[in-house]
PDB file of N, CA and C in Angstrom:
ATOM      1  N   UNK A   1     -90.949 -33.810  -0.922  1.00  0.00           N
ATOM      2  CA  UNK A   1     -90.642 -34.251  -2.264  1.00  0.00           C
ATOM      3  C   UNK A   1     -89.247 -34.863  -2.255  1.00  0.00           C
ATOM      4  N   UNK A   2     -89.136 -35.980  -2.898  1.00  0.00           N
ATOM      5  CA  UNK A   2     -87.838 -36.582  -3.180  1.00  0.00           C
ATOM      6  C   UNK A   2     -87.904 -37.028  -4.625  1.00  0.00           C
ATOM      7  N   UNK A   3     -86.861 -36.677  -5.363  1.00  0.00           N
ATOM      8  CA  UNK A   3     -86.847 -37.035  -6.776  1.00  0.00           C
ATOM      9  C   UNK A   3     -85.443 -37.451  -7.168  1.00  0.00           C
ATOM     10  N   UNK A   4     -85.325 -38.599  -7.784  1.00  0.00           N
ATOM     11  CA  UNK A   4     -84.033 -39.075  -8.273  1.00  0.00           C
ATOM     12  C   UNK A   4     -83.771 -38.476  -9.646  1.00  0.00           C
ATOM     13  N   UNK A   5     -82.551 -38.007  -9.859  1.00  0.00           N
ATOM     14  CA  UNK A   5     -82.162 -37.437 -11.144  1.00  0.00           C
ATOM     15  C   UNK A   5     -81.333 -38.440 -11.937  1.00  0.00           C
ATOM     16  N   UNK A   6     -80.300 -39.014 -11.318  1.00  0.00           N
ATOM     17  CA  UNK A   6     -79.437 -39.974 -11.996  1.00  0.00           C
ATOM     18  C   UNK A   6     -78.669 -40.779 -10.954  1.00  0.00           C
ATOM     19  N   UNK A   7     -78.265 -41.984 -11.346  1.00  0.00           N
ATOM     20  CA  UNK A   7     -77.445 -42.802 -10.460  1.00  0.00           C
ATOM     21  C   UNK A   7     -76.637 -43.783 -11.286  1.00  0.00           C
ATOM     22  N   UNK A   8     -75.522 -44.261 -10.736  1.00  0.00           N
ATOM     23  CA  UNK A   8     -74.650 -45.217 -11.428  1.00  0.00           C
ATOM     24  C   UNK A   8     -73.606 -45.722 -10.444  1.00  0.00           C
ATOM     25  N   UNK A   9     -72.805 -46.669 -10.920  1.00  0.00           N
ATOM     26  CA  UNK A   9     -71.643 -47.128 -10.162  1.00  0.00           C
ATOM     27  C   UNK A   9     -70.419 -46.375 -10.659  1.00  0.00           C
ATOM     28  N   UNK A  10     -69.396 -46.275  -9.806  1.00  0.00           N
ATOM     29  CA  UNK A  10     -68.153 -45.659 -10.256  1.00  0.00           C
ATOM     30  C   UNK A  10     -67.471 -46.584 -11.264  1.00  0.00           C
ATOM     31  N   UNK A  11     -66.343 -46.128 -11.803  1.00  0.00           N
ATOM     32  CA  UNK A  11     -65.740 -46.816 -12.942  1.00  0.00           C
ATOM     33  C   UNK A  11     -64.413 -47.508 -12.664  1.00  0.00           C
ATOM     34  N   UNK A  12     -64.033 -47.672 -11.396  1.00  0.00           N
ATOM     35  CA  UNK A  12     -62.754 -48.357 -11.197  1.00  0.00           C
ATOM     36  C   UNK A  12     -62.933 -49.863 -11.336  1.00  0.00           C
ATOM     37  N   UNK A  13     -61.845 -50.542 -11.763  1.00  0.00           N
ATOM     38  CA  UNK A  13     -61.960 -51.994 -11.949  1.00  0.00           C
ATOM     39  C   UNK A  13     -62.226 -52.705 -10.627  1.00  0.00           C
ATOM     40  N   UNK A  14     -62.805 -53.906 -10.702  1.00  0.00           N
ATOM     41  CA  UNK A  14     -63.066 -54.656  -9.467  1.00  0.00           C
ATOM     42  C   UNK A  14     -61.785 -54.851  -8.659  1.00  0.00           C
ATOM     43  N   UNK A  15     -61.919 -54.688  -7.364  1.00  0.00           N
ATOM     44  CA  UNK A  15     -60.770 -54.772  -6.471  1.00  0.00           C
ATOM     45  C   UNK A  15     -61.312 -55.122  -5.086  1.00  0.00           C
ATOM     46  N   UNK A  16     -60.748 -56.152  -4.457  1.00  0.00           N
ATOM     47  CA  UNK A  16     -61.237 -56.570  -3.142  1.00  0.00           C
ATOM     48  C   UNK A  16     -61.072 -55.499  -2.081  1.00  0.00           C
ATOM     49  N   UNK A  17     -60.063 -54.641  -2.225  1.00  0.00           N
ATOM     50  CA  UNK A  17     -59.820 -53.598  -1.223  1.00  0.00           C
ATOM     51  C   UNK A  17     -60.693 -52.377  -1.422  1.00  0.00           C
ATOM     52  N   UNK A  18     -61.186 -52.190  -2.637  1.00  0.00           N
ATOM     53  CA  UNK A  18     -62.019 -51.028  -2.932  1.00  0.00           C
ATOM     54  C   UNK A  18     -63.294 -51.486  -3.634  1.00  0.00           C
ATOM     55  N   UNK A  19     -64.342 -51.740  -2.881  1.00  0.00           N
ATOM     56  CA  UNK A  19     -65.583 -52.191  -3.519  1.00  0.00           C
ATOM     57  C   UNK A  19     -66.188 -51.076  -4.373  1.00  0.00           C
ATOM     58  N   UNK A  20     -66.984 -51.444  -5.382  1.00  0.00           N
ATOM     59  CA  UNK A  20     -67.628 -50.429  -6.214  1.00  0.00           C
ATOM     60  C   UNK A  20     -68.476 -49.476  -5.365  1.00  0.00           C
ATOM     61  N   UNK A  21     -68.486 -48.237  -5.774  1.00  0.00           N
ATOM     62  CA  UNK A  21     -69.262 -47.212  -5.087  1.00  0.00           C
ATOM     63  C   UNK A  21     -70.414 -46.776  -5.984  1.00  0.00           C
ATOM     64  N   UNK A  22     -71.568 -46.665  -5.400  1.00  0.00           N
ATOM     65  CA  UNK A  22     -72.755 -46.186  -6.087  1.00  0.00           C
ATOM     66  C   UNK A  22     -72.927 -44.705  -5.773  1.00  0.00           C
ATOM     67  N   UNK A  23     -73.325 -43.931  -6.783  1.00  0.00           N
ATOM     68  CA  UNK A  23     -73.641 -42.521  -6.541  1.00  0.00           C
ATOM     69  C   UNK A  23     -75.050 -42.241  -7.052  1.00  0.00           C
ATOM     70  N   UNK A  24     -75.695 -41.268  -6.443  1.00  0.00           N
ATOM     71  CA  UNK A  24     -77.030 -40.869  -6.850  1.00  0.00           C
ATOM     72  C   UNK A  24     -77.171 -39.366  -6.634  1.00  0.00           C
ATOM     73  N   UNK A  25     -77.721 -38.688  -7.620  1.00  0.00           N
ATOM     74  CA  UNK A  25     -78.038 -37.267  -7.505  1.00  0.00           C
ATOM     75  C   UNK A  25     -79.553 -37.141  -7.529  1.00  0.00           C
ATOM     76  N   UNK A  26     -80.078 -36.345  -6.616  1.00  0.00           N
ATOM     77  CA  UNK A  26     -81.519 -36.162  -6.546  1.00  0.00           C
ATOM     78  C   UNK A  26     -81.882 -34.804  -5.979  1.00  0.00           C
ATOM     79  N   UNK A  27     -83.147 -34.637  -5.715  1.00  0.00           N
ATOM     80  CA  UNK A  27     -83.682 -33.410  -5.113  1.00  0.00           C
ATOM     81  C   UNK A  27     -84.447 -33.782  -3.858  1.00  0.00           C
ATOM     82  N   UNK A  28     -84.410 -32.912  -2.868  1.00  0.00           N
ATOM     83  CA  UNK A  28     -85.187 -33.135  -1.654  1.00  0.00           C
ATOM     84  C   UNK A  28     -85.667 -31.800  -1.093  1.00  0.00           C
ATOM     85  N   UNK A  29     -86.849 -31.813  -0.534  1.00  0.00           N
ATOM     86  CA  UNK A  29     -87.327 -30.639   0.198  1.00  0.00           C
ATOM     87  C   UNK A  29     -87.539 -30.994   1.663  1.00  0.00           C
ATOM     88  N   UNK A  30     -86.854 -32.044   2.108  1.00  0.00           N
ATOM     89  CA  UNK A  30     -86.905 -32.471   3.507  1.00  0.00           C
ATOM     90  C   UNK A  30     -86.495 -31.303   4.403  1.00  0.00           C
ATOM     91  N   UNK A  31     -87.343 -30.905   5.366  1.00  0.00           N
ATOM     92  CA  UNK A  31     -87.002 -29.758   6.217  1.00  0.00           C
ATOM     93  C   UNK A  31     -85.732 -29.981   7.046  1.00  0.00           C
ATOM     94  N   UNK A  32     -85.354 -31.229   7.287  1.00  0.00           N
ATOM     95  CA  UNK A  32     -84.121 -31.499   8.021  1.00  0.00           C
ATOM     96  C   UNK A  32     -82.883 -31.342   7.150  1.00  0.00           C
ATOM     97  N   UNK A  33     -83.081 -31.153   5.831  1.00  0.00           N
ATOM     98  CA  UNK A  33     -81.953 -31.055   4.905  1.00  0.00           C
ATOM     99  C   UNK A  33     -81.433 -29.633   4.751  1.00  0.00           C
ATOM    100  N   UNK A  34     -82.155 -28.646   5.293  1.00  0.00           N
ATOM    101  CA  UNK A  34     -81.701 -27.258   5.130  1.00  0.00           C
ATOM    102  C   UNK A  34     -82.152 -26.405   6.311  1.00  0.00           C
ATOM    103  N   UNK A  35     -81.429 -25.320   6.511  1.00  0.00           N
ATOM    104  CA  UNK A  35     -81.784 -24.382   7.574  1.00  0.00           C
ATOM    105  C   UNK A  35     -82.934 -23.469   7.171  1.00  0.00           C
ATOM    106  N   UNK A  36     -83.059 -23.222   5.853  1.00  0.00           N
ATOM    107  CA  UNK A  36     -84.033 -22.245   5.385  1.00  0.00           C
ATOM    108  C   UNK A  36     -85.281 -22.858   4.763  1.00  0.00           C
ATOM    109  N   UNK A  37     -85.391 -24.189   4.773  1.00  0.00           N
ATOM    110  CA  UNK A  37     -86.571 -24.840   4.216  1.00  0.00           C
ATOM    111  C   UNK A  37     -86.592 -24.918   2.705  1.00  0.00           C
ATOM    112  N   UNK A  38     -85.519 -24.453   2.045  1.00  0.00           N
ATOM    113  CA  UNK A  38     -85.456 -24.484   0.590  1.00  0.00           C
ATOM    114  C   UNK A  38     -85.044 -25.880   0.114  1.00  0.00           C
ATOM    115  N   UNK A  39     -85.492 -26.278  -1.068  1.00  0.00           N
ATOM    116  CA  UNK A  39     -85.088 -27.572  -1.622  1.00  0.00           C
ATOM    117  C   UNK A  39     -83.566 -27.652  -1.775  1.00  0.00           C
ATOM    118  N   UNK A  40     -83.052 -28.851  -1.735  1.00  0.00           N
ATOM    119  CA  UNK A  40     -81.616 -29.087  -1.857  1.00  0.00           C
ATOM    120  C   UNK A  40     -81.359 -30.153  -2.917  1.00  0.00           C
ATOM    121  N   UNK A  41     -80.185 -30.059  -3.521  1.00  0.00           N
ATOM    122  CA  UNK A  41     -79.676 -31.119  -4.377  1.00  0.00           C
ATOM    123  C   UNK A  41     -79.032 -32.133  -3.435  1.00  0.00           C
ATOM    124  N   UNK A  42     -79.401 -33.395  -3.571  1.00  0.00           N
ATOM    125  CA  UNK A  42     -78.797 -34.410  -2.714  1.00  0.00           C
ATOM    126  C   UNK A  42     -77.804 -35.234  -3.524  1.00  0.00           C
ATOM    127  N   UNK A  43     -76.672 -35.526  -2.904  1.00  0.00           N
ATOM    128  CA  UNK A  43     -75.642 -36.371  -3.496  1.00  0.00           C
ATOM    129  C   UNK A  43     -75.400 -37.505  -2.513  1.00  0.00           C
ATOM    130  N   UNK A  44     -75.657 -38.731  -2.952  1.00  0.00           N
ATOM    131  CA  UNK A  44     -75.492 -39.902  -2.099  1.00  0.00           C
ATOM    132  C   UNK A  44     -74.360 -40.758  -2.634  1.00  0.00           C
ATOM    133  N   UNK A  45     -73.458 -41.162  -1.759  1.00  0.00           N
ATOM    134  CA  UNK A  45     -72.377 -42.093  -2.088  1.00  0.00           C
ATOM    135  C   UNK A  45     -72.468 -43.258  -1.119  1.00  0.00           C
ATOM    136  N   UNK A  46     -72.476 -44.468  -1.665  1.00  0.00           N
ATOM    137  CA  UNK A  46     -72.532 -45.640  -0.799  1.00  0.00           C
ATOM    138  C   UNK A  46     -71.900 -46.827  -1.497  1.00  0.00           C
ATOM    139  N   UNK A  47     -71.441 -47.774  -0.709  1.00  0.00           N
ATOM    140  CA  UNK A  47     -70.886 -48.997  -1.257  1.00  0.00           C
ATOM    141  C   UNK A  47     -71.991 -49.747  -1.989  1.00  0.00           C
ATOM    142  N   UNK A  48     -71.649 -50.319  -3.148  1.00  0.00           N
ATOM    143  CA  UNK A  48     -72.646 -51.080  -3.906  1.00  0.00           C
ATOM    144  C   UNK A  48     -73.276 -52.133  -2.999  1.00  0.00           C
ATOM    145  N   UNK A  49     -74.590 -52.199  -3.019  1.00  0.00           N
ATOM    146  CA  UNK A  49     -75.309 -53.146  -2.193  1.00  0.00           C
ATOM    147  C   UNK A  49     -75.551 -52.648  -0.775  1.00  0.00           C
ATOM    148  N   UNK A  50     -75.081 -51.448  -0.464  1.00  0.00           N
ATOM    149  CA  UNK A  50     -75.231 -50.908   0.885  1.00  0.00           C
ATOM    150  C   UNK A  50     -76.278 -49.825   0.963  1.00  0.00           C
ATOM    151  N   UNK A  51     -77.386 -50.021   0.266  1.00  0.00           N
ATOM    152  CA  UNK A  51     -78.437 -49.001   0.257  1.00  0.00           C
ATOM    153  C   UNK A  51     -78.850 -48.637   1.678  1.00  0.00           C
ATOM    154  N   UNK A  52     -78.902 -47.354   1.928  1.00  0.00           N
ATOM    155  CA  UNK A  52     -79.300 -46.857   3.235  1.00  0.00           C
ATOM    156  C   UNK A  52     -78.143 -46.670   4.207  1.00  0.00           C
ATOM    157  N   UNK A  53     -76.927 -47.043   3.791  1.00  0.00           N
ATOM    158  CA  UNK A  53     -75.774 -46.931   4.687  1.00  0.00           C
ATOM    159  C   UNK A  53     -74.716 -45.967   4.153  1.00  0.00           C
ATOM    160  N   UNK A  54     -75.055 -45.209   3.130  1.00  0.00           N
ATOM    161  CA  UNK A  54     -74.096 -44.286   2.542  1.00  0.00           C
ATOM    162  C   UNK A  54     -74.132 -42.923   3.209  1.00  0.00           C
ATOM    163  N   UNK A  55     -73.418 -42.014   2.597  1.00  0.00           N
ATOM    164  CA  UNK A  55     -73.390 -40.625   3.049  1.00  0.00           C
ATOM    165  C   UNK A  55     -74.230 -39.797   2.095  1.00  0.00           C
ATOM    166  N   UNK A  56     -75.040 -38.887   2.648  1.00  0.00           N
ATOM    167  CA  UNK A  56     -75.886 -38.026   1.838  1.00  0.00           C
ATOM    168  C   UNK A  56     -75.509 -36.581   2.123  1.00  0.00           C
ATOM    169  N   UNK A  57     -75.142 -35.864   1.069  1.00  0.00           N
ATOM    170  CA  UNK A  57     -74.864 -34.431   1.175  1.00  0.00           C
ATOM    171  C   UNK A  57     -76.086 -33.684   0.644  1.00  0.00           C
ATOM    172  N   UNK A  58     -76.547 -32.682   1.392  1.00  0.00           N
ATOM    173  CA  UNK A  58     -77.658 -31.831   0.959  1.00  0.00           C
ATOM    174  C   UNK A  58     -77.049 -30.496   0.562  1.00  0.00           C
ATOM    175  N   UNK A  59     -77.022 -30.225  -0.746  1.00  0.00           N
ATOM    176  CA  UNK A  59     -76.301 -29.078  -1.279  1.00  0.00           C
ATOM    177  C   UNK A  59     -77.248 -27.941  -1.666  1.00  0.00           C
ATOM    178  N   UNK A  60     -76.958 -26.750  -1.151  1.00  0.00           N
ATOM    179  CA  UNK A  60     -77.665 -25.552  -1.594  1.00  0.00           C
ATOM    180  C   UNK A  60     -77.271 -25.303  -3.053  1.00  0.00           C
ATOM    181  N   UNK A  61     -78.068 -24.547  -3.803  1.00  0.00           N
ATOM    182  CA  UNK A  61     -77.729 -24.301  -5.205  1.00  0.00           C
ATOM    183  C   UNK A  61     -76.290 -23.799  -5.414  1.00  0.00           C
ATOM    184  N   UNK A  62     -75.826 -22.887  -4.587  1.00  0.00           N
ATOM    185  CA  UNK A  62     -74.465 -22.366  -4.761  1.00  0.00           C
ATOM    186  C   UNK A  62     -73.414 -23.463  -4.553  1.00  0.00           C
ATOM    187  N   UNK A  63     -73.644 -24.343  -3.602  1.00  0.00           N
ATOM    188  CA  UNK A  63     -72.706 -25.429  -3.350  1.00  0.00           C
ATOM    189  C   UNK A  63     -72.755 -26.450  -4.480  1.00  0.00           C
ATOM    190  N   UNK A  64     -73.946 -26.743  -5.009  1.00  0.00           N
ATOM    191  CA  UNK A  64     -74.071 -27.658  -6.145  1.00  0.00           C
ATOM    192  C   UNK A  64     -73.344 -27.096  -7.365  1.00  0.00           C
ATOM    193  N   UNK A  65     -73.454 -25.775  -7.592  1.00  0.00           N
ATOM    194  CA  UNK A  65     -72.725 -25.157  -8.703  1.00  0.00           C
ATOM    195  C   UNK A  65     -71.220 -25.251  -8.484  1.00  0.00           C
ATOM    196  N   UNK A  66     -70.767 -25.091  -7.246  1.00  0.00           N
ATOM    197  CA  UNK A  66     -69.339 -25.203  -6.946  1.00  0.00           C
ATOM    198  C   UNK A  66     -68.841 -26.619  -7.249  1.00  0.00           C
ATOM    199  N   UNK A  67     -69.623 -27.635  -6.863  1.00  0.00           N
ATOM    200  CA  UNK A  67     -69.262 -29.015  -7.168  1.00  0.00           C
ATOM    201  C   UNK A  67     -69.241 -29.238  -8.679  1.00  0.00           C
ATOM    202  N   UNK A  68     -70.241 -28.717  -9.377  1.00  0.00           N
ATOM    203  CA  UNK A  68     -70.270 -28.829 -10.840  1.00  0.00           C
ATOM    204  C   UNK A  68     -69.025 -28.200 -11.445  1.00  0.00           C
ATOM    205  N   UNK A  69     -68.609 -27.037 -10.937  1.00  0.00           N
ATOM    206  CA  UNK A  69     -67.408 -26.372 -11.436  1.00  0.00           C
ATOM    207  C   UNK A  69     -66.150 -27.188 -11.174  1.00  0.00           C
ATOM    208  N   UNK A  70     -66.084 -27.819 -10.009  1.00  0.00           N
ATOM    209  CA  UNK A  70     -64.920 -28.643  -9.677  1.00  0.00           C
ATOM    210  C   UNK A  70     -64.835 -29.857 -10.600  1.00  0.00           C
ATOM    211  N   UNK A  71     -65.965 -30.476 -10.892  1.00  0.00           N
ATOM    212  CA  UNK A  71     -65.972 -31.619 -11.805  1.00  0.00           C
ATOM    213  C   UNK A  71     -65.589 -31.166 -13.210  1.00  0.00           C
ATOM    214  N   UNK A  72     -66.098 -30.005 -13.646  1.00  0.00           N
ATOM    215  CA  UNK A  72     -65.732 -29.471 -14.960  1.00  0.00           C
ATOM    216  C   UNK A  72     -64.233 -29.194 -15.035  1.00  0.00           C
ATOM    217  N   UNK A  73     -63.653 -28.624 -13.980  1.00  0.00           N
ATOM    218  CA  UNK A  73     -62.211 -28.348 -13.964  1.00  0.00           C
ATOM    219  C   UNK A  73     -61.414 -29.646 -14.031  1.00  0.00           C
ATOM    220  N   UNK A  74     -61.855 -30.669 -13.305  1.00  0.00           N
ATOM    221  CA  UNK A  74     -61.154 -31.957 -13.333  1.00  0.00           C
ATOM    222  C   UNK A  74     -61.227 -32.577 -14.728  1.00  0.00           C
ATOM    223  N   UNK A  75     -62.378 -32.480 -15.390  1.00  0.00           N
ATOM    224  CA  UNK A  75     -62.497 -33.003 -16.748  1.00  0.00           C
ATOM    225  C   UNK A  75     -61.551 -32.283 -17.701  1.00  0.00           C
ATOM    226  N   UNK A  76     -61.458 -30.963 -17.591  1.00  0.00           N
ATOM    227  CA  UNK A  76     -60.534 -30.210 -18.435  1.00  0.00           C
ATOM    228  C   UNK A  76     -59.092 -30.635 -18.178  1.00  0.00           C
ATOM    229  N   UNK A  77     -58.747 -30.901 -16.922  1.00  0.00           N
ATOM    230  CA  UNK A  77     -57.385 -31.331 -16.561  1.00  0.00           C
ATOM    231  C   UNK A  77     -56.998 -32.649 -17.237  1.00  0.00           C
ATOM    232  N   UNK A  78     -57.984 -33.532 -17.463  1.00  0.00           N
ATOM    233  CA  UNK A  78     -57.675 -34.804 -18.120  1.00  0.00           C
ATOM    234  C   UNK A  78     -57.958 -34.749 -19.625  1.00  0.00           C
ATOM    235  N   UNK A  79     -58.145 -33.523 -20.150  1.00  0.00           N
ATOM    236  CA  UNK A  79     -58.287 -33.341 -21.585  1.00  0.00           C
ATOM    237  C   UNK A  79     -59.686 -33.554 -22.135  1.00  0.00           C
ATOM    238  N   UNK A  80     -60.680 -33.530 -21.284  1.00  0.00           N
ATOM    239  CA  UNK A  80     -62.068 -33.722 -21.715  1.00  0.00           C
ATOM    240  C   UNK A  80     -62.826 -32.415 -21.619  1.00  0.00           C
ATOM    241  N   UNK A  81     -63.787 -32.226 -22.524  1.00  0.00           N
ATOM    242  CA  UNK A  81     -64.677 -31.084 -22.440  1.00  0.00           C
ATOM    243  C   UNK A  81     -65.735 -31.375 -21.387  1.00  0.00           C
ATOM    244  N   UNK A  82     -66.041 -30.407 -20.512  1.00  0.00           N
ATOM    245  CA  UNK A  82     -67.026 -30.670 -19.462  1.00  0.00           C
ATOM    246  C   UNK A  82     -68.457 -30.789 -19.969  1.00  0.00           C
ATOM    247  N   UNK A  83     -68.743 -30.312 -21.163  1.00  0.00           N
ATOM    248  CA  UNK A  83     -70.098 -30.408 -21.700  1.00  0.00           C
ATOM    249  C   UNK A  83     -70.978 -29.289 -21.166  1.00  0.00           C
ATOM    250  N   UNK A  84     -72.280 -29.429 -21.425  1.00  0.00           N
ATOM    251  CA  UNK A  84     -73.209 -28.352 -21.044  1.00  0.00           C
ATOM    252  C   UNK A  84     -73.353 -28.199 -19.528  1.00  0.00           C
TER     253      UNK A  84
END
């Protein structure tokens, strides 16, 4: 099973030195993605237009929650509510 949850480009202004980055969050049950055969949350980062050449992280639920917490903390630091 592979399922896409959400994807978008990052928000920095156009810059020749830093091309836009695409991100995608999804789910995978690929047996090569985990040691225990359990489904993983996948996080893909790649240069815009570079489909298939990015980095894919396969996150166990605890690691995905840790990333969610880090993003929530960063949002609070810039004065934003992290939301649900």
